[in-house]
Structures are given as C-alpha cells and as structure tokens.
PDB file of all heavy atoms in Angstrom:
ATOM      1  N   TYR A   1      16.720 -16.784   4.508  1.00  0.00           N
ATOM      2  CA  TYR A   1      16.926 -16.361   5.884  1.00  0.00           C
ATOM      3  C   TYR A   1      17.309 -17.553   6.746  1.00  0.00           C
ATOM      4  O   TYR A   1      16.787 -18.676   6.556  1.00  0.00           O
ATOM      5  CB  TYR A   1      15.688 -15.740   6.478  1.00  0.00           C
ATOM      6  CG  TYR A   1      15.312 -14.384   5.907  1.00  0.00           C
ATOM      7  CD1 TYR A   1      14.396 -14.297   4.860  1.00  0.00           C
ATOM      8  CD2 TYR A   1      15.865 -13.233   6.396  1.00  0.00           C
ATOM      9  CE1 TYR A   1      14.023 -13.061   4.344  1.00  0.00           C
ATOM     10  CE2 TYR A   1      15.523 -11.993   5.883  1.00  0.00           C
ATOM     11  CZ  TYR A   1      14.601 -11.921   4.859  1.00  0.00           C
ATOM     12  OH  TYR A   1      14.256 -10.706   4.360  1.00  0.00           O
ATOM     13  N   ALA A   2      18.115 -17.286   7.755  1.00  0.00           N
ATOM     14  CA  ALA A   2      18.302 -18.281   8.787  1.00  0.00           C
ATOM     15  C   ALA A   2      17.041 -18.383   9.613  1.00  0.00           C
ATOM     16  O   ALA A   2      16.319 -17.410   9.805  1.00  0.00           O
ATOM     17  CB  ALA A   2      19.482 -17.839   9.701  1.00  0.00           C
ATOM     18  N   ALA A   3      16.792 -19.584  10.109  1.00  0.00           N
ATOM     19  CA  ALA A   3      15.545 -19.827  10.858  1.00  0.00           C
ATOM     20  C   ALA A   3      15.460 -18.934  12.060  1.00  0.00           C
ATOM     21  O   ALA A   3      14.373 -18.510  12.483  1.00  0.00           O
ATOM     22  CB  ALA A   3      15.423 -21.275  11.226  1.00  0.00           C
ATOM     23  N   SER A   4      16.595 -18.658  12.666  1.00  0.00           N
ATOM     24  CA  SER A   4      16.631 -17.893  13.913  1.00  0.00           C
ATOM     25  C   SER A   4      16.224 -16.418  13.767  1.00  0.00           C
ATOM     26  O   SER A   4      15.904 -15.772  14.747  1.00  0.00           O
ATOM     27  CB  SER A   4      18.042 -17.959  14.538  1.00  0.00           C
ATOM     28  OG  SER A   4      18.969 -17.423  13.641  1.00  0.00           O
ATOM     29  N   VAL A   5      16.250 -15.906  12.512  1.00  0.00           N
ATOM     30  CA  VAL A   5      15.920 -14.488  12.302  1.00  0.00           C
ATOM     31  C   VAL A   5      14.678 -14.311  11.455  1.00  0.00           C
ATOM     32  O   VAL A   5      14.194 -13.173  11.311  1.00  0.00           O
ATOM     33  CB  VAL A   5      17.106 -13.720  11.646  1.00  0.00           C
ATOM     34  CG1 VAL A   5      18.360 -13.937  12.476  1.00  0.00           C
ATOM     35  CG2 VAL A   5      17.307 -14.152  10.212  1.00  0.00           C
ATOM     36  N   LYS A   6      14.151 -15.375  10.935  1.00  0.00           N
ATOM     37  CA  LYS A   6      12.972 -15.286  10.028  1.00  0.00           C
ATOM     38  C   LYS A   6      11.811 -14.656  10.766  1.00  0.00           C
ATOM     39  O   LYS A   6      11.505 -15.065  11.897  1.00  0.00           O
ATOM     40  CB  LYS A   6      12.631 -16.659   9.490  1.00  0.00           C
ATOM     41  CG  LYS A   6      11.750 -16.647   8.249  1.00  0.00           C
ATOM     42  CD  LYS A   6      11.595 -18.031   7.684  1.00  0.00           C
ATOM     43  CE  LYS A   6      12.884 -18.546   7.086  1.00  0.00           C
ATOM     44  NZ  LYS A   6      12.698 -19.846   6.381  1.00  0.00           N
ATOM     45  N   GLY A   7      11.191 -13.670  10.153  1.00  0.00           N
ATOM     46  CA  GLY A   7      10.096 -12.967  10.773  1.00  0.00           C
ATOM     47  C   GLY A   7      10.500 -11.766  11.589  1.00  0.00           C
ATOM     48  O   GLY A   7       9.678 -10.925  11.960  1.00  0.00           O
ATOM     49  N   ARG A   8      11.806 -11.649  11.894  1.00  0.00           N
ATOM     50  CA  ARG A   8      12.311 -10.515  12.669  1.00  0.00           C
ATOM     51  C   ARG A   8      13.223  -9.637  11.845  1.00  0.00           C
ATOM     52  O   ARG A   8      13.269  -8.404  12.042  1.00  0.00           O
ATOM     53  CB  ARG A   8      13.079 -10.986  13.905  1.00  0.00           C
ATOM     54  CG  ARG A   8      12.244 -11.773  14.883  1.00  0.00           C
ATOM     55  CD  ARG A   8      13.021 -12.072  16.161  1.00  0.00           C
ATOM     56  NE  ARG A   8      14.234 -12.816  15.932  1.00  0.00           N
ATOM     57  CZ  ARG A   8      15.450 -12.387  16.272  1.00  0.00           C
ATOM     58  NH1 ARG A   8      15.622 -11.215  16.840  1.00  0.00           N
ATOM     59  NH2 ARG A   8      16.509 -13.180  16.056  1.00  0.00           N
ATOM     60  N   PHE A   9      13.958 -10.218  10.918  1.00  0.00           N
ATOM     61  CA  PHE A   9      14.909  -9.475  10.109  1.00  0.00           C
ATOM     62  C   PHE A   9      14.425  -9.438   8.689  1.00  0.00           C
ATOM     63  O   PHE A   9      13.802 -10.381   8.206  1.00  0.00           O
ATOM     64  CB  PHE A   9      16.296 -10.147  10.094  1.00  0.00           C
ATOM     65  CG  PHE A   9      17.032 -10.078  11.424  1.00  0.00           C
ATOM     66  CD1 PHE A   9      16.460  -9.635  12.597  1.00  0.00           C
ATOM     67  CD2 PHE A   9      18.351 -10.492  11.495  1.00  0.00           C
ATOM     68  CE1 PHE A   9      17.141  -9.582  13.780  1.00  0.00           C
ATOM     69  CE2 PHE A   9      19.077 -10.456  12.680  1.00  0.00           C
ATOM     70  CZ  PHE A   9      18.452 -10.006  13.826  1.00  0.00           C
ATOM     71  N   THR A  10      14.757  -8.345   7.998  1.00  0.00           N
ATOM     72  CA  THR A  10      14.355  -8.221   6.571  1.00  0.00           C
ATOM     73  C   THR A  10      15.590  -7.723   5.805  1.00  0.00           C
ATOM     74  O   THR A  10      16.164  -6.693   6.118  1.00  0.00           O
ATOM     75  CB  THR A  10      13.225  -7.244   6.375  1.00  0.00           C
ATOM     76  OG1 THR A  10      12.087  -7.672   7.130  1.00  0.00           O
ATOM     77  CG2 THR A  10      12.840  -7.141   4.921  1.00  0.00           C
ATOM     78  N   ILE A  11      15.950  -8.472   4.764  1.00  0.00           N
ATOM     79  CA  ILE A  11      17.032  -8.046   3.894  1.00  0.00           C
ATOM     80  C   ILE A  11      16.460  -7.414   2.659  1.00  0.00           C
ATOM     81  O   ILE A  11      15.422  -7.846   2.132  1.00  0.00           O
ATOM     82  CB  ILE A  11      17.959  -9.233   3.508  1.00  0.00           C
ATOM     83  CG1 ILE A  11      19.204  -8.727   2.793  1.00  0.00           C
ATOM     84  CG2 ILE A  11      17.216 -10.305   2.717  1.00  0.00           C
ATOM     85  CD1 ILE A  11      20.280  -9.790   2.628  1.00  0.00           C
ATOM     86  N   SER A  12      17.079  -6.329   2.193  1.00  0.00           N
ATOM     87  CA  SER A  12      16.598  -5.665   0.969  1.00  0.00           C
ATOM     88  C   SER A  12      17.803  -5.099   0.232  1.00  0.00           C
ATOM     89  O   SER A  12      18.900  -5.024   0.777  1.00  0.00           O
ATOM     90  CB  SER A  12      15.623  -4.535   1.327  1.00  0.00           C
ATOM     91  OG  SER A  12      16.233  -3.560   2.128  1.00  0.00           O
ATOM     92  N   LYS A  13      17.573  -4.714  -1.007  1.00  0.00           N
ATOM     93  CA  LYS A  13      18.655  -4.319  -1.890  1.00  0.00           C
ATOM     94  C   LYS A  13      18.259  -3.133  -2.740  1.00  0.00           C
ATOM     95  O   LYS A  13      17.130  -3.148  -3.264  1.00  0.00           O
ATOM     96  CB  LYS A  13      19.099  -5.490  -2.732  1.00  0.00           C
ATOM     97  CG  LYS A  13      20.430  -5.390  -3.413  1.00  0.00           C
ATOM     98  CD  LYS A  13      20.828  -6.801  -3.897  1.00  0.00           C
ATOM     99  CE  LYS A  13      22.148  -6.754  -4.698  1.00  0.00           C
ATOM    100  NZ  LYS A  13      21.969  -6.327  -6.056  1.00  0.00           N
ATOM    101  N   ASP A  14      19.064  -2.128  -2.791  1.00  0.00           N
ATOM    102  CA  ASP A  14      18.860  -0.998  -3.669  1.00  0.00           C
ATOM    103  C   ASP A  14      19.879  -1.112  -4.817  1.00  0.00           C
ATOM    104  O   ASP A  14      21.076  -0.813  -4.650  1.00  0.00           O
ATOM    105  CB  ASP A  14      19.068   0.316  -2.932  1.00  0.00           C
ATOM    106  CG  ASP A  14      18.724   1.545  -3.761  1.00  0.00           C
ATOM    107  OD1 ASP A  14      18.836   1.476  -4.993  1.00  0.00           O
ATOM    108  OD2 ASP A  14      18.355   2.566  -3.191  1.00  0.00           O
ATOM    109  N   ASN A  15      19.419  -1.611  -5.955  1.00  0.00           N
ATOM    110  CA  ASN A  15      20.326  -1.856  -7.054  1.00  0.00           C
ATOM    111  C   ASN A  15      20.965  -0.577  -7.609  1.00  0.00           C
ATOM    112  O   ASN A  15      22.105  -0.583  -8.041  1.00  0.00           O
ATOM    113  CB  ASN A  15      19.582  -2.592  -8.174  1.00  0.00           C
ATOM    114  CG  ASN A  15      19.251  -4.023  -7.816  1.00  0.00           C
ATOM    115  OD1 ASN A  15      19.991  -4.671  -7.090  1.00  0.00           O
ATOM    116  ND2 ASN A  15      18.103  -4.464  -8.247  1.00  0.00           N
ATOM    117  N   ALA A  16      20.232   0.513  -7.533  1.00  0.00           N
ATOM    118  CA  ALA A  16      20.762   1.770  -8.031  1.00  0.00           C
ATOM    119  C   ALA A  16      21.967   2.255  -7.208  1.00  0.00           C
ATOM    120  O   ALA A  16      22.850   2.972  -7.723  1.00  0.00           O
ATOM    121  CB  ALA A  16      19.686   2.835  -8.075  1.00  0.00           C
ATOM    122  N   LYS A  17      21.984   1.881  -5.934  1.00  0.00           N
ATOM    123  CA  LYS A  17      23.040   2.314  -5.030  1.00  0.00           C
ATOM    124  C   LYS A  17      24.021   1.184  -4.696  1.00  0.00           C
ATOM    125  O   LYS A  17      24.947   1.411  -3.931  1.00  0.00           O
ATOM    126  CB  LYS A  17      22.440   2.838  -3.709  1.00  0.00           C
ATOM    127  CG  LYS A  17      21.543   4.066  -3.874  1.00  0.00           C
ATOM    128  CD  LYS A  17      21.031   4.531  -2.529  1.00  0.00           C
ATOM    129  CE  LYS A  17      20.175   5.782  -2.697  1.00  0.00           C
ATOM    130  NZ  LYS A  17      19.604   6.245  -1.358  1.00  0.00           N
ATOM    131  N   ASN A  18      23.806   0.013  -5.296  1.00  0.00           N
ATOM    132  CA  ASN A  18      24.662  -1.118  -5.003  1.00  0.00           C
ATOM    133  C   ASN A  18      24.742  -1.375  -3.507  1.00  0.00           C
ATOM    134  O   ASN A  18      25.844  -1.642  -2.969  1.00  0.00           O
ATOM    135  CB  ASN A  18      26.064  -0.915  -5.612  1.00  0.00           C
ATOM    136  CG  ASN A  18      26.054  -0.842  -7.119  1.00  0.00           C
ATOM    137  OD1 ASN A  18      25.176  -1.394  -7.778  1.00  0.00           O
ATOM    138  ND2 ASN A  18      27.031  -0.120  -7.643  1.00  0.00           N
ATOM    139  N   THR A  19      23.633  -1.239  -2.830  1.00  0.00           N
ATOM    140  CA  THR A  19      23.621  -1.301  -1.400  1.00  0.00           C
ATOM    141  C   THR A  19      22.633  -2.345  -0.899  1.00  0.00           C
ATOM    142  O   THR A  19      21.533  -2.443  -1.474  1.00  0.00           O
ATOM    143  CB  THR A  19      23.261   0.078  -0.790  1.00  0.00           C
ATOM    144  OG1 THR A  19      24.270   1.013  -1.184  1.00  0.00           O
ATOM    145  CG2 THR A  19      23.203   0.017   0.749  1.00  0.00           C
ATOM    146  N   VAL A  20      22.998  -3.124   0.074  1.00  0.00           N
ATOM    147  CA  VAL A  20      22.120  -4.063   0.714  1.00  0.00           C
ATOM    148  C   VAL A  20      21.886  -3.655   2.158  1.00  0.00           C
ATOM    149  O   VAL A  20      22.785  -3.118   2.813  1.00  0.00           O
ATOM    150  CB  VAL A  20      22.702  -5.493   0.632  1.00  0.00           C
ATOM    151  CG1 VAL A  20      23.991  -5.636   1.416  1.00  0.00           C
ATOM    152  CG2 VAL A  20      21.673  -6.521   1.125  1.00  0.00           C
ATOM    153  N   TYR A  21      20.668  -3.858   2.598  1.00  0.00           N
ATOM    154  CA  TYR A  21      20.279  -3.457   3.966  1.00  0.00           C
ATOM    155  C   TYR A  21      19.822  -4.661   4.731  1.00  0.00           C
ATOM    156  O   TYR A  21      19.325  -5.643   4.197  1.00  0.00           O
ATOM    157  CB  TYR A  21      19.130  -2.469   3.925  1.00  0.00           C
ATOM    158  CG  TYR A  21      19.409  -1.233   3.090  1.00  0.00           C
ATOM    159  CD1 TYR A  21      19.005  -1.123   1.770  1.00  0.00           C
ATOM    160  CD2 TYR A  21      20.112  -0.152   3.625  1.00  0.00           C
ATOM    161  CE1 TYR A  21      19.253  -0.018   1.005  1.00  0.00           C
ATOM    162  CE2 TYR A  21      20.391   0.981   2.883  1.00  0.00           C
ATOM    163  CZ  TYR A  21      19.972   1.045   1.536  1.00  0.00           C
ATOM    164  OH  TYR A  21      20.252   2.151   0.808  1.00  0.00           O
ATOM    165  N   LEU A  22      19.980  -4.577   6.050  1.00  0.00           N
ATOM    166  CA  LEU A  22      19.427  -5.588   6.961  1.00  0.00           C
ATOM    167  C   LEU A  22      18.664  -4.846   8.033  1.00  0.00           C
ATOM    168  O   LEU A  22      19.293  -4.229   8.906  1.00  0.00           O
ATOM    169  CB  LEU A  22      20.517  -6.456   7.557  1.00  0.00           C
ATOM    170  CG  LEU A  22      19.982  -7.616   8.419  1.00  0.00           C
ATOM    171  CD1 LEU A  22      19.298  -8.649   7.544  1.00  0.00           C
ATOM    172  CD2 LEU A  22      21.127  -8.273   9.189  1.00  0.00           C
ATOM    173  N   GLN A  23      17.325  -4.919   7.975  1.00  0.00           N
ATOM    174  CA  GLN A  23      16.502  -4.305   9.006  1.00  0.00           C
ATOM    175  C   GLN A  23      16.269  -5.378  10.066  1.00  0.00           C
ATOM    176  O   GLN A  23      15.693  -6.408   9.765  1.00  0.00           O
ATOM    177  CB  GLN A  23      15.200  -3.839   8.403  1.00  0.00           C
ATOM    178  CG  GLN A  23      14.212  -3.263   9.400  1.00  0.00           C
ATOM    179  CD  GLN A  23      14.719  -1.979   9.996  1.00  0.00           C
ATOM    180  OE1 GLN A  23      15.184  -1.074   9.262  1.00  0.00           O
ATOM    181  NE2 GLN A  23      14.676  -1.802  11.305  1.00  0.00           N
ATOM    182  N   MET A  24      16.696  -5.073  11.255  1.00  0.00           N
ATOM    183  CA  MET A  24      16.606  -6.032  12.364  1.00  0.00           C
ATOM    184  C   MET A  24      15.621  -5.471  13.397  1.00  0.00           C
ATOM    185  O   MET A  24      15.792  -4.357  13.906  1.00  0.00           O
ATOM    186  CB  MET A  24      17.983  -6.224  13.000  1.00  0.00           C
ATOM    187  CG  MET A  24      19.054  -6.694  12.037  1.00  0.00           C
ATOM    188  SD  MET A  24      20.634  -7.020  12.794  1.00  0.00           S
ATOM    189  CE  MET A  24      21.107  -5.366  13.273  1.00  0.00           C
ATOM    190  N   SER A  25      14.619  -6.281  13.708  1.00  0.00           N
ATOM    191  CA  SER A  25      13.605  -5.902  14.692  1.00  0.00           C
ATOM    192  C   SER A  25      13.518  -6.940  15.791  1.00  0.00           C
ATOM    193  O   SER A  25      13.996  -8.042  15.629  1.00  0.00           O
ATOM    194  CB  SER A  25      12.246  -5.726  13.977  1.00  0.00           C
ATOM    195  OG  SER A  25      12.283  -4.798  12.930  1.00  0.00           O
ATOM    196  N   SER A  26      12.883  -6.529  16.873  1.00  0.00           N
ATOM    197  CA  SER A  26      12.709  -7.447  18.014  1.00  0.00           C
ATOM    198  C   SER A  26      14.020  -8.135  18.389  1.00  0.00           C
ATOM    199  O   SER A  26      14.073  -9.356  18.563  1.00  0.00           O
ATOM    200  CB  SER A  26      11.654  -8.509  17.690  1.00  0.00           C
ATOM    201  OG  SER A  26      10.420  -7.907  17.362  1.00  0.00           O
ATOM    202  N   LEU A  27      15.027  -7.325  18.518  1.00  0.00           N
ATOM    203  CA  LEU A  27      16.357  -7.867  18.765  1.00  0.00           C
ATOM    204  C   LEU A  27      16.460  -8.534  20.135  1.00  0.00           C
ATOM    205  O   LEU A  27      15.848  -8.133  21.107  1.00  0.00           O
ATOM    206  CB  LEU A  27      17.420  -6.775  18.636  1.00  0.00           C
ATOM    207  CG  LEU A  27      17.741  -6.393  17.166  1.00  0.00           C
ATOM    208  CD1 LEU A  27      18.407  -5.046  17.119  1.00  0.00           C
ATOM    209  CD2 LEU A  27      18.636  -7.442  16.557  1.00  0.00           C
ATOM    210  N   LYS A  28      17.250  -9.627  20.149  1.00  0.00           N
ATOM    211  CA  LYS A  28      17.450 -10.427  21.342  1.00  0.00           C
ATOM    212  C   LYS A  28      18.935 -10.406  21.706  1.00  0.00           C
ATOM    213  O   LYS A  28      19.799 -10.188  20.859  1.00  0.00           O
ATOM    214  CB  LYS A  28      17.014 -11.870  21.064  1.00  0.00           C
ATOM    215  CG  LYS A  28      15.592 -12.023  20.552  1.00  0.00           C
ATOM    216  CD  LYS A  28      15.285 -13.476  20.198  1.00  0.00           C
ATOM    217  CE  LYS A  28      13.922 -13.631  19.645  1.00  0.00           C
ATOM    218  NZ  LYS A  28      13.603 -15.024  19.293  1.00  0.00           N
ATOM    219  N   PRO A  29      19.253 -10.756  22.952  1.00  0.00           N
ATOM    220  CA  PRO A  29      20.668 -10.801  23.337  1.00  0.00           C
ATOM    221  C   PRO A  29      21.493 -11.771  22.460  1.00  0.00           C
ATOM    222  O   PRO A  29      22.644 -11.522  22.182  1.00  0.00           O
ATOM    223  CB  PRO A  29      20.620 -11.277  24.783  1.00  0.00           C
ATOM    224  CG  PRO A  29      19.294 -10.783  25.276  1.00  0.00           C
ATOM    225  CD  PRO A  29      18.364 -10.920  24.117  1.00  0.00           C
ATOM    226  N   GLU A  30      20.819 -12.860  22.015  1.00  0.00           N
ATOM    227  CA  GLU A  30      21.533 -13.855  21.175  1.00  0.00           C
ATOM    228  C   GLU A  30      21.822 -13.327  19.780  1.00  0.00           C
ATOM    229  O   GLU A  30      22.517 -14.018  19.004  1.00  0.00           O
ATOM    230  CB  GLU A  30      20.772 -15.152  21.142  1.00  0.00           C
ATOM    231  CG  GLU A  30      19.313 -15.030  20.754  1.00  0.00           C
ATOM    232  CD  GLU A  30      18.419 -15.007  21.971  1.00  0.00           C
ATOM    233  OE1 GLU A  30      18.743 -14.304  23.016  1.00  0.00           O
ATOM    234  OE2 GLU A  30      17.337 -15.657  21.939  1.00  0.00           O
ATOM    235  N   ASP A  31      21.302 -12.154  19.452  1.00  0.00           N
ATOM    236  CA  ASP A  31      21.648 -11.528  18.159  1.00  0.00           C
ATOM    237  C   ASP A  31      22.982 -10.796  18.225  1.00  0.00           C
ATOM    238  O   ASP A  31      23.490 -10.303  17.199  1.00  0.00           O
ATOM    239  CB  ASP A  31      20.550 -10.582  17.712  1.00  0.00           C
ATOM    240  CG  ASP A  31      19.254 -11.300  17.385  1.00  0.00           C
ATOM    241  OD1 ASP A  31      19.292 -12.378  16.731  1.00  0.00           O
ATOM    242  OD2 ASP A  31      18.170 -10.788  17.780  1.00  0.00           O
ATOM    243  N   THR A  32      23.530 -10.660  19.426  1.00  0.00           N
ATOM    244  CA  THR A  32      24.786  -9.961  19.595  1.00  0.00           C
ATOM    245  C   THR A  32      25.887 -10.687  18.845  1.00  0.00           C
ATOM    246  O   THR A  32      26.107 -11.884  19.033  1.00  0.00           O
ATOM    247  CB  THR A  32      25.144  -9.864  21.092  1.00  0.00           C
ATOM    248  OG1 THR A  32      24.175  -9.039  21.754  1.00  0.00           O
ATOM    249  CG2 THR A  32      26.529  -9.278  21.278  1.00  0.00           C
ATOM    250  N   ALA A  33      26.586  -9.969  17.984  1.00  0.00           N
ATOM    251  CA  ALA A  33      27.635 -10.557  17.139  1.00  0.00           C
ATOM    252  C   ALA A  33      28.274  -9.433  16.299  1.00  0.00           C
ATOM    253  O   ALA A  33      27.756  -8.321  16.245  1.00  0.00           O
ATOM    254  CB  ALA A  33      27.040 -11.608  16.201  1.00  0.00           C
ATOM    255  N   VAL A  34      29.338  -9.800  15.621  1.00  0.00           N
ATOM    256  CA  VAL A  34      29.851  -8.972  14.543  1.00  0.00           C
ATOM    257  C   VAL A  34      29.144  -9.400  13.276  1.00  0.00           C
ATOM    258  O   VAL A  34      29.140 -10.584  12.943  1.00  0.00           O
ATOM    259  CB  VAL A  34      31.374  -9.110  14.406  1.00  0.00           C
ATOM    260  CG1 VAL A  34      31.874  -8.258  13.221  1.00  0.00           C
ATOM    261  CG2 VAL A  34      32.103  -8.690  15.698  1.00  0.00           C
ATOM    262  N   TYR A  35      28.584  -8.435  12.586  1.00  0.00           N
ATOM    263  CA  TYR A  35      27.830  -8.725  11.372  1.00  0.00           C
ATOM    264  C   TYR A  35      28.689  -8.357  10.153  1.00  0.00           C
ATOM    265  O   TYR A  35      29.265  -7.249  10.096  1.00  0.00           O
ATOM    266  CB  TYR A  35      26.530  -7.941  11.351  1.00  0.00           C
ATOM    267  CG  TYR A  35      25.485  -8.547  12.251  1.00  0.00           C
ATOM    268  CD1 TYR A  35      25.614  -8.512  13.645  1.00  0.00           C
ATOM    269  CD2 TYR A  35      24.337  -9.186  11.732  1.00  0.00           C
ATOM    270  CE1 TYR A  35      24.677  -9.113  14.453  1.00  0.00           C
ATOM    271  CE2 TYR A  35      23.404  -9.763  12.551  1.00  0.00           C
ATOM    272  CZ  TYR A  35      23.556  -9.723  13.908  1.00  0.00           C
ATOM    273  OH  TYR A  35      22.614 -10.314  14.725  1.00  0.00           O
ATOM    274  N   TYR A  36      28.783  -9.278   9.209  1.00  0.00           N
ATOM    275  CA  TYR A  36      29.616  -9.117   8.052  1.00  0.00           C
ATOM    276  C   TYR A  36      28.778  -9.095   6.795  1.00  0.00           C
ATOM    277  O   TYR A  36      27.902  -9.959   6.579  1.00  0.00           O
ATOM    278  CB  TYR A  36      30.618 -10.254   7.925  1.00  0.00           C
ATOM    279  CG  TYR A  36      31.651 -10.295   9.016  1.00  0.00           C
ATOM    280  CD1 TYR A  36      31.422 -11.047  10.154  1.00  0.00           C
ATOM    281  CD2 TYR A  36      32.855  -9.605   8.943  1.00  0.00           C
ATOM    282  CE1 TYR A  36      32.333 -11.122  11.209  1.00  0.00           C
ATOM    283  CE2 TYR A  36      33.784  -9.627   9.936  1.00  0.00           C
ATOM    284  CZ  TYR A  36      33.528 -10.395  11.071  1.00  0.00           C
ATOM    285  OH  TYR A  36      34.448 -10.416  12.071  1.00  0.00           O
ATOM    286  N   CYS A  37      29.031  -8.180   5.939  1.00  0.00           N
ATOM    287  CA  CYS A  37      28.458  -8.118   4.589  1.00  0.00           C
ATOM    288  C   CYS A  37      29.224  -9.095   3.691  1.00  0.00           C
ATOM    289  O   CYS A  37      30.429  -9.159   3.777  1.00  0.00           O
ATOM    290  CB  CYS A  37      28.489  -6.719   4.077  1.00  0.00           C
ATOM    291  SG  CYS A  37      27.767  -6.504   2.428  1.00  0.00           S
ATOM    292  N   ASN A  38      28.485  -9.761   2.796  1.00  0.00           N
ATOM    293  CA  ASN A  38      29.095 -10.658   1.861  1.00  0.00           C
ATOM    294  C   ASN A  38      28.556 -10.396   0.459  1.00  0.00           C
ATOM    295  O   ASN A  38      27.369 -10.077   0.309  1.00  0.00           O
ATOM    296  CB  ASN A  38      28.816 -12.105   2.257  1.00  0.00           C
ATOM    297  CG  ASN A  38      29.348 -13.109   1.279  1.00  0.00           C
ATOM    298  OD1 ASN A  38      28.623 -13.591   0.415  1.00  0.00           O
ATOM    299  ND2 ASN A  38      30.647 -13.396   1.379  1.00  0.00           N
ATOM    300  N   ALA A  39      29.396 -10.563  -0.528  1.00  0.00           N
ATOM    301  CA  ALA A  39      29.003 -10.257  -1.896  1.00  0.00           C
ATOM    302  C   ALA A  39      29.466 -11.375  -2.847  1.00  0.00           C
ATOM    303  O   ALA A  39      30.487 -11.999  -2.611  1.00  0.00           O
ATOM    304  CB  ALA A  39      29.544  -8.923  -2.364  1.00  0.00           C
ATOM    305  N   ALA A  40      28.681 -11.502  -3.931  1.00  0.00           N
ATOM    306  CA  ALA A  40      28.844 -12.574  -4.944  1.00  0.00           C
ATOM    307  C   ALA A  40      28.267 -13.861  -4.374  1.00  0.00           C
ATOM    308  O   ALA A  40      27.536 -13.862  -3.384  1.00  0.00           O
ATOM    309  CB  ALA A  40      30.272 -12.705  -5.405  1.00  0.00           C
ATOM    310  N   GLY A  41      28.599 -14.996  -5.008  1.00  0.00           N
ATOM    311  CA  GLY A  41      27.956 -16.236  -4.536  1.00  0.00           C
ATOM    312  C   GLY A  41      26.569 -16.398  -5.146  1.00  0.00           C
ATOM    313  O   GLY A  41      26.287 -15.912  -6.235  1.00  0.00           O
ATOM    314  N   SER A  42      25.711 -17.066  -4.419  1.00  0.00           N
ATOM    315  CA  SER A  42      24.368 -17.357  -4.898  1.00  0.00           C
ATOM    316  C   SER A  42      23.367 -17.132  -3.757  1.00  0.00           C
ATOM    317  O   SER A  42      23.733 -16.634  -2.677  1.00  0.00           O
ATOM    318  CB  SER A  42      24.263 -18.778  -5.420  1.00  0.00           C
ATOM    319  OG  SER A  42      24.342 -19.682  -4.342  1.00  0.00           O
ATOM    320  N   LEU A  43      22.132 -17.507  -3.970  1.00  0.00           N
ATOM    321  CA  LEU A  43      21.135 -17.360  -2.903  1.00  0.00           C
ATOM    322  C   LEU A  43      21.468 -18.209  -1.701  1.00  0.00           C
ATOM    323  O   LEU A  43      21.122 -17.881  -0.582  1.00  0.00           O
ATOM    324  CB  LEU A  43      19.752 -17.744  -3.468  1.00  0.00           C
ATOM    325  CG  LEU A  43      18.574 -17.512  -2.518  1.00  0.00           C
ATOM    326  CD1 LEU A  43      18.436 -16.045  -2.119  1.00  0.00           C
ATOM    327  CD2 LEU A  43      17.285 -18.007  -3.176  1.00  0.00           C
TER     328      LEU A  43
END
C-alpha cells in the first residue's frame, strides 16, 4: 500500500472471478483522482 492510504483502503482479490477490489473508507478530498486498474508485474 501507499503510505497515504494505509489503514483506510483495502485491496483484495477473488481468484475464481479474476477480479481485484479496492475498498476505500474514510475518503478525503485528496483521494479525488482517476483510478486505474493494473495487471501483471510484481508486488
């Protein structure tokens, strides 16, 4: 996790559905952005 979201955001993955989720809580104005999904690569 990025330091700015640690403790507020949770990433999870459903392997059966090939789907990744981002649960965002306690949202702040500085979280405003276009969010992009990315695949492959490493941790």
